[in-house]
Amino acid sequence: MFKKGEKVQQEFGAQVMKVIGFEPDLIENVVTEWEDEEGTIVKGKFMESQLQPAEDENQ
């Protein structure tokens, strides 16, 4: 289980995201956010099995 504030990424994705919350009643229950190339903050929801700890937390 991930914790709030933890840096994660998808198995085959380069985008590093921060866990900002959880929605326990949903299948896609891990809520994340990241900044895109244009500086826009984007939020997304993922299943825990789709994510892994970020390899490089400095991104």
PDB file of N, CA and C in Angstrom:
ATOM      1  N   MET A   1       0.847  -1.194   0.000  1.00  0.00           N
ATOM      2  CA  MET A   1       0.000   0.000   0.000  1.00  0.00           C
ATOM      3  C   MET A   1       0.882   1.244   0.000  1.00  0.00           C
ATOM      4  N   PHE A   2       0.523   2.188  -0.824  1.00  0.00           N
ATOM      5  CA  PHE A   2       1.266   3.437  -0.903  1.00  0.00           C
ATOM      6  C   PHE A   2       0.802   4.403   0.190  1.00  0.00           C
ATOM      7  N   LYS A   3       1.624   5.440   0.433  1.00  0.00           N
ATOM      8  CA  LYS A   3       1.285   6.454   1.424  1.00  0.00           C
ATOM      9  C   LYS A   3       1.142   7.805   0.738  1.00  0.00           C
ATOM     10  N   LYS A   4       0.357   8.686   1.331  1.00  0.00           N
ATOM     11  CA  LYS A   4       0.232  10.051   0.818  1.00  0.00           C
ATOM     12  C   LYS A   4       1.602  10.696   0.747  1.00  0.00           C
ATOM     13  N   GLY A   5       1.857  11.395  -0.354  1.00  0.00           N
ATOM     14  CA  GLY A   5       3.134  12.068  -0.534  1.00  0.00           C
ATOM     15  C   GLY A   5       4.193  11.213  -1.206  1.00  0.00           C
ATOM     16  N   GLU A   6       3.960   9.908  -1.318  1.00  0.00           N
ATOM     17  CA  GLU A   6       4.931   9.012  -1.940  1.00  0.00           C
ATOM     18  C   GLU A   6       4.984   9.250  -3.451  1.00  0.00           C
ATOM     19  N   LYS A   7       6.168   9.142  -4.034  1.00  0.00           N
ATOM     20  CA  LYS A   7       6.355   9.294  -5.478  1.00  0.00           C
ATOM     21  C   LYS A   7       6.193   7.925  -6.130  1.00  0.00           C
ATOM     22  N   VAL A   8       5.351   7.870  -7.178  1.00  0.00           N
ATOM     23  CA  VAL A   8       5.072   6.617  -7.873  1.00  0.00           C
ATOM     24  C   VAL A   8       5.107   6.836  -9.377  1.00  0.00           C
ATOM     25  N   GLN A   9       5.144   5.743 -10.127  1.00  0.00           N
ATOM     26  CA  GLN A   9       5.025   5.803 -11.576  1.00  0.00           C
ATOM     27  C   GLN A   9       4.440   4.489 -12.058  1.00  0.00           C
ATOM     28  N   GLN A  10       3.896   4.521 -13.288  1.00  0.00           N
ATOM     29  CA  GLN A  10       3.380   3.304 -13.875  1.00  0.00           C
ATOM     30  C   GLN A  10       4.556   2.434 -14.296  1.00  0.00           C
ATOM     31  N   GLU A  11       4.320   1.128 -14.387  1.00  0.00           N
ATOM     32  CA  GLU A  11       5.398   0.191 -14.690  1.00  0.00           C
ATOM     33  C   GLU A  11       6.153   0.562 -15.969  1.00  0.00           C
ATOM     34  N   PHE A  12       5.428   0.950 -17.015  1.00  0.00           N
ATOM     35  CA  PHE A  12       6.081   1.273 -18.282  1.00  0.00           C
ATOM     36  C   PHE A  12       5.994   2.762 -18.610  1.00  0.00           C
ATOM     37  N   GLY A  13       5.817   3.592 -17.592  1.00  0.00           N
ATOM     38  CA  GLY A  13       5.715   5.029 -17.811  1.00  0.00           C
ATOM     39  C   GLY A  13       6.876   5.765 -17.175  1.00  0.00           C
ATOM     40  N   ALA A  14       7.233   6.891 -17.751  1.00  0.00           N
ATOM     41  CA  ALA A  14       8.333   7.687 -17.217  1.00  0.00           C
ATOM     42  C   ALA A  14       7.838   8.772 -16.268  1.00  0.00           C
ATOM     43  N   GLN A  15       6.538   9.094 -16.332  1.00  0.00           N
ATOM     44  CA  GLN A  15       5.973  10.184 -15.537  1.00  0.00           C
ATOM     45  C   GLN A  15       5.985   9.847 -14.044  1.00  0.00           C
ATOM     46  N   VAL A  16       6.639  10.684 -13.244  1.00  0.00           N
ATOM     47  CA  VAL A  16       6.649  10.513 -11.791  1.00  0.00           C
ATOM     48  C   VAL A  16       5.489  11.312 -11.215  1.00  0.00           C
ATOM     49  N   MET A  17       4.680  10.654 -10.393  1.00  0.00           N
ATOM     50  CA  MET A  17       3.482  11.264  -9.821  1.00  0.00           C
ATOM     51  C   MET A  17       3.566  11.204  -8.302  1.00  0.00           C
ATOM     52  N   LYS A  18       2.829  12.081  -7.637  1.00  0.00           N
ATOM     53  CA  LYS A  18       2.766  12.083  -6.177  1.00  0.00           C
ATOM     54  C   LYS A  18       1.387  11.579  -5.760  1.00  0.00           C
ATOM     55  N   VAL A  19       1.356  10.655  -4.793  1.00  0.00           N
ATOM     56  CA  VAL A  19       0.085  10.162  -4.257  1.00  0.00           C
ATOM     57  C   VAL A  19      -0.500  11.261  -3.377  1.00  0.00           C
ATOM     58  N   ILE A  20      -1.753  11.664  -3.682  1.00  0.00           N
ATOM     59  CA  ILE A  20      -2.384  12.739  -2.902  1.00  0.00           C
ATOM     60  C   ILE A  20      -3.600  12.263  -2.119  1.00  0.00           C
ATOM     61  N   GLY A  21      -4.020  11.011  -2.339  1.00  0.00           N
ATOM     62  CA  GLY A  21      -5.176  10.525  -1.599  1.00  0.00           C
ATOM     63  C   GLY A  21      -5.628   9.160  -2.080  1.00  0.00           C
ATOM     64  N   PHE A  22      -6.711   8.686  -1.461  1.00  0.00           N
ATOM     65  CA  PHE A  22      -7.240   7.365  -1.766  1.00  0.00           C
ATOM     66  C   PHE A  22      -8.762   7.416  -1.784  1.00  0.00           C
ATOM     67  N   GLU A  23      -9.367   6.579  -2.615  1.00  0.00           N
ATOM     68  CA  GLU A  23     -10.814   6.433  -2.653  1.00  0.00           C
ATOM     69  C   GLU A  23     -11.115   4.948  -2.485  1.00  0.00           C
ATOM     70  N   PRO A  24     -11.251   4.483  -1.251  1.00  0.00           N
ATOM     71  CA  PRO A  24     -11.347   3.048  -0.972  1.00  0.00           C
ATOM     72  C   PRO A  24     -12.528   2.333  -1.622  1.00  0.00           C
ATOM     73  N   ASP A  25     -13.581   3.047  -1.998  1.00  0.00           N
ATOM     74  CA  ASP A  25     -14.757   2.400  -2.577  1.00  0.00           C
ATOM     75  C   ASP A  25     -14.624   2.162  -4.083  1.00  0.00           C
ATOM     76  N   LEU A  26     -13.550   2.642  -4.707  1.00  0.00           N
ATOM     77  CA  LEU A  26     -13.375   2.511  -6.144  1.00  0.00           C
ATOM     78  C   LEU A  26     -12.264   1.514  -6.470  1.00  0.00           C
ATOM     79  N   ILE A  27     -12.357   0.882  -7.647  1.00  0.00           N
ATOM     80  CA  ILE A  27     -11.288  -0.018  -8.088  1.00  0.00           C
ATOM     81  C   ILE A  27     -10.020   0.785  -8.354  1.00  0.00           C
ATOM     82  N   GLU A  28     -10.168   1.915  -9.055  1.00  0.00           N
ATOM     83  CA  GLU A  28      -9.029   2.811  -9.271  1.00  0.00           C
ATOM     84  C   GLU A  28      -8.989   3.767  -8.084  1.00  0.00           C
ATOM     85  N   ASN A  29      -8.349   3.325  -7.008  1.00  0.00           N
ATOM     86  CA  ASN A  29      -8.491   4.016  -5.735  1.00  0.00           C
ATOM     87  C   ASN A  29      -7.303   4.881  -5.325  1.00  0.00           C
ATOM     88  N   VAL A  30      -6.220   4.890  -6.084  1.00  0.00           N
ATOM     89  CA  VAL A  30      -5.067   5.716  -5.730  1.00  0.00           C
ATOM     90  C   VAL A  30      -5.142   7.007  -6.550  1.00  0.00           C
ATOM     91  N   VAL A  31      -5.260   8.143  -5.874  1.00  0.00           N
ATOM     92  CA  VAL A  31      -5.364   9.444  -6.541  1.00  0.00           C
ATOM     93  C   VAL A  31      -3.971  10.070  -6.576  1.00  0.00           C
ATOM     94  N   THR A  32      -3.553  10.468  -7.779  1.00  0.00           N
ATOM     95  CA  THR A  32      -2.212  11.034  -7.952  1.00  0.00           C
ATOM     96  C   THR A  32      -2.296  12.388  -8.643  1.00  0.00           C
ATOM     97  N   GLU A  33      -1.193  13.131  -8.571  1.00  0.00           N
ATOM     98  CA  GLU A  33      -1.086  14.367  -9.346  1.00  0.00           C
ATOM     99  C   GLU A  33       0.338  14.531  -9.819  1.00  0.00           C
ATOM    100  N   TRP A  34       0.475  15.267 -10.935  1.00  0.00           N
ATOM    101  CA  TRP A  34       1.781  15.564 -11.493  1.00  0.00           C
ATOM    102  C   TRP A  34       1.659  16.822 -12.331  1.00  0.00           C
ATOM    103  N   GLU A  35       2.806  17.373 -12.698  1.00  0.00           N
ATOM    104  CA  GLU A  35       2.826  18.582 -13.521  1.00  0.00           C
ATOM    105  C   GLU A  35       3.223  18.185 -14.939  1.00  0.00           C
ATOM    106  N   ASP A  36       2.414  18.585 -15.928  1.00  0.00           N
ATOM    107  CA  ASP A  36       2.736  18.246 -17.317  1.00  0.00           C
ATOM    108  C   ASP A  36       3.770  19.219 -17.886  1.00  0.00           C
ATOM    109  N   GLU A  37       4.106  19.019 -19.161  1.00  0.00           N
ATOM    110  CA  GLU A  37       5.155  19.817 -19.807  1.00  0.00           C
ATOM    111  C   GLU A  37       4.837  21.305 -19.823  1.00  0.00           C
ATOM    112  N   GLU A  38       3.551  21.653 -19.787  1.00  0.00           N
ATOM    113  CA  GLU A  38       3.147  23.056 -19.852  1.00  0.00           C
ATOM    114  C   GLU A  38       2.932  23.679 -18.476  1.00  0.00           C
ATOM    115  N   GLY A  39       3.223  22.922 -17.423  1.00  0.00           N
ATOM    116  CA  GLY A  39       3.089  23.440 -16.073  1.00  0.00           C
ATOM    117  C   GLY A  39       1.707  23.262 -15.461  1.00  0.00           C
ATOM    118  N   THR A  40       0.827  22.530 -16.139  1.00  0.00           N
ATOM    119  CA  THR A  40      -0.522  22.287 -15.630  1.00  0.00           C
ATOM    120  C   THR A  40      -0.502  21.116 -14.654  1.00  0.00           C
ATOM    121  N   ILE A  41      -1.159  21.294 -13.510  1.00  0.00           N
ATOM    122  CA  ILE A  41      -1.272  20.198 -12.545  1.00  0.00           C
ATOM    123  C   ILE A  41      -2.376  19.256 -13.012  1.00  0.00           C
ATOM    124  N   VAL A  42      -2.036  17.984 -13.170  1.00  0.00           N
ATOM    125  CA  VAL A  42      -2.960  16.967 -13.656  1.00  0.00           C
ATOM    126  C   VAL A  42      -3.189  15.955 -12.551  1.00  0.00           C
ATOM    127  N   LYS A  43      -4.443  15.540 -12.374  1.00  0.00           N
ATOM    128  CA  LYS A  43      -4.771  14.510 -11.387  1.00  0.00           C
ATOM    129  C   LYS A  43      -5.235  13.267 -12.111  1.00  0.00           C
ATOM    130  N   GLY A  44      -4.945  12.110 -11.532  1.00  0.00           N
ATOM    131  CA  GLY A  44      -5.363  10.850 -12.126  1.00  0.00           C
ATOM    132  C   GLY A  44      -5.668   9.829 -11.053  1.00  0.00           C
ATOM    133  N   LYS A  45      -6.409   8.791 -11.435  1.00  0.00           N
ATOM    134  CA  LYS A  45      -6.729   7.694 -10.523  1.00  0.00           C
ATOM    135  C   LYS A  45      -6.227   6.397 -11.139  1.00  0.00           C
ATOM    136  N   PHE A  46      -5.611   5.578 -10.318  1.00  0.00           N
ATOM    137  CA  PHE A  46      -5.030   4.328 -10.773  1.00  0.00           C
ATOM    138  C   PHE A  46      -5.337   3.209  -9.787  1.00  0.00           C
ATOM    139  N   MET A  47      -5.318   1.989 -10.297  1.00  0.00           N
ATOM    140  CA  MET A  47      -5.362   0.836  -9.405  1.00  0.00           C
ATOM    141  C   MET A  47      -3.974   0.707  -8.789  1.00  0.00           C
ATOM    142  N   GLU A  48      -3.912   0.271  -7.561  1.00  0.00           N
ATOM    143  CA  GLU A  48      -2.618   0.137  -6.887  1.00  0.00           C
ATOM    144  C   GLU A  48      -1.689  -0.783  -7.670  1.00  0.00           C
ATOM    145  N   SER A  49      -2.233  -1.825  -8.307  1.00  0.00           N
ATOM    146  CA  SER A  49      -1.407  -2.777  -9.054  1.00  0.00           C
ATOM    147  C   SER A  49      -0.780  -2.158 -10.305  1.00  0.00           C
ATOM    148  N   GLN A  50      -1.267  -1.002 -10.764  1.00  0.00           N
ATOM    149  CA  GLN A  50      -0.710  -0.327 -11.935  1.00  0.00           C
ATOM    150  C   GLN A  50       0.502   0.525 -11.590  1.00  0.00           C
ATOM    151  N   LEU A  51       0.747   0.750 -10.313  1.00  0.00           N
ATOM    152  CA  LEU A  51       1.789   1.680  -9.881  1.00  0.00           C
ATOM    153  C   LEU A  51       2.920   0.963  -9.169  1.00  0.00           C
ATOM    154  N   GLN A  52       4.073   1.619  -9.164  1.00  0.00           N
ATOM    155  CA  GLN A  52       5.230   1.138  -8.417  1.00  0.00           C
ATOM    156  C   GLN A  52       5.965   2.357  -7.869  1.00  0.00           C
ATOM    157  N   PRO A  53       6.778   2.164  -6.845  1.00  0.00           N
ATOM    158  CA  PRO A  53       7.557   3.302  -6.340  1.00  0.00           C
ATOM    159  C   PRO A  53       8.406   3.894  -7.462  1.00  0.00           C
ATOM    160  N   ALA A  54       8.525   5.204  -7.493  1.00  0.00           N
ATOM    161  CA  ALA A  54       9.301   5.868  -8.545  1.00  0.00           C
ATOM    162  C   ALA A  54      10.760   5.505  -8.426  1.00  0.00           C
ATOM    163  N   GLU A  55      11.388   5.236  -9.579  1.00  0.00           N
ATOM    164  CA  GLU A  55      12.808   4.869  -9.584  1.00  0.00           C
ATOM    165  C   GLU A  55      13.700   6.063  -9.275  1.00  0.00           C
ATOM    166  N   ASP A  56      13.320   7.238  -9.814  1.00  0.00           N
ATOM    167  CA  ASP A  56      14.119   8.439  -9.605  1.00  0.00           C
ATOM    168  C   ASP A  56      13.224   9.508  -9.026  1.00  0.00           C
ATOM    169  N   GLU A  57      13.283   9.707  -7.712  1.00  0.00           N
ATOM    170  CA  GLU A  57      12.396  10.670  -7.050  1.00  0.00           C
ATOM    171  C   GLU A  57      12.807  12.111  -7.288  1.00  0.00           C
ATOM    172  N   ASN A  58      13.906  12.360  -8.003  1.00  0.00           N
ATOM    173  CA  ASN A  58      14.349  13.724  -8.261  1.00  0.00           C
ATOM    174  C   ASN A  58      13.710  14.322  -9.501  1.00  0.00           C
ATOM    175  N   GLN A  59      12.893  13.573 -10.219  1.00  0.00           N
ATOM    176  CA  GLN A  59      12.237  14.086 -11.428  1.00  0.00           C
ATOM    177  C   GLN A  59      11.102  14.982 -11.080  1.00  0.00           C
TER     178      GLN A  59
END
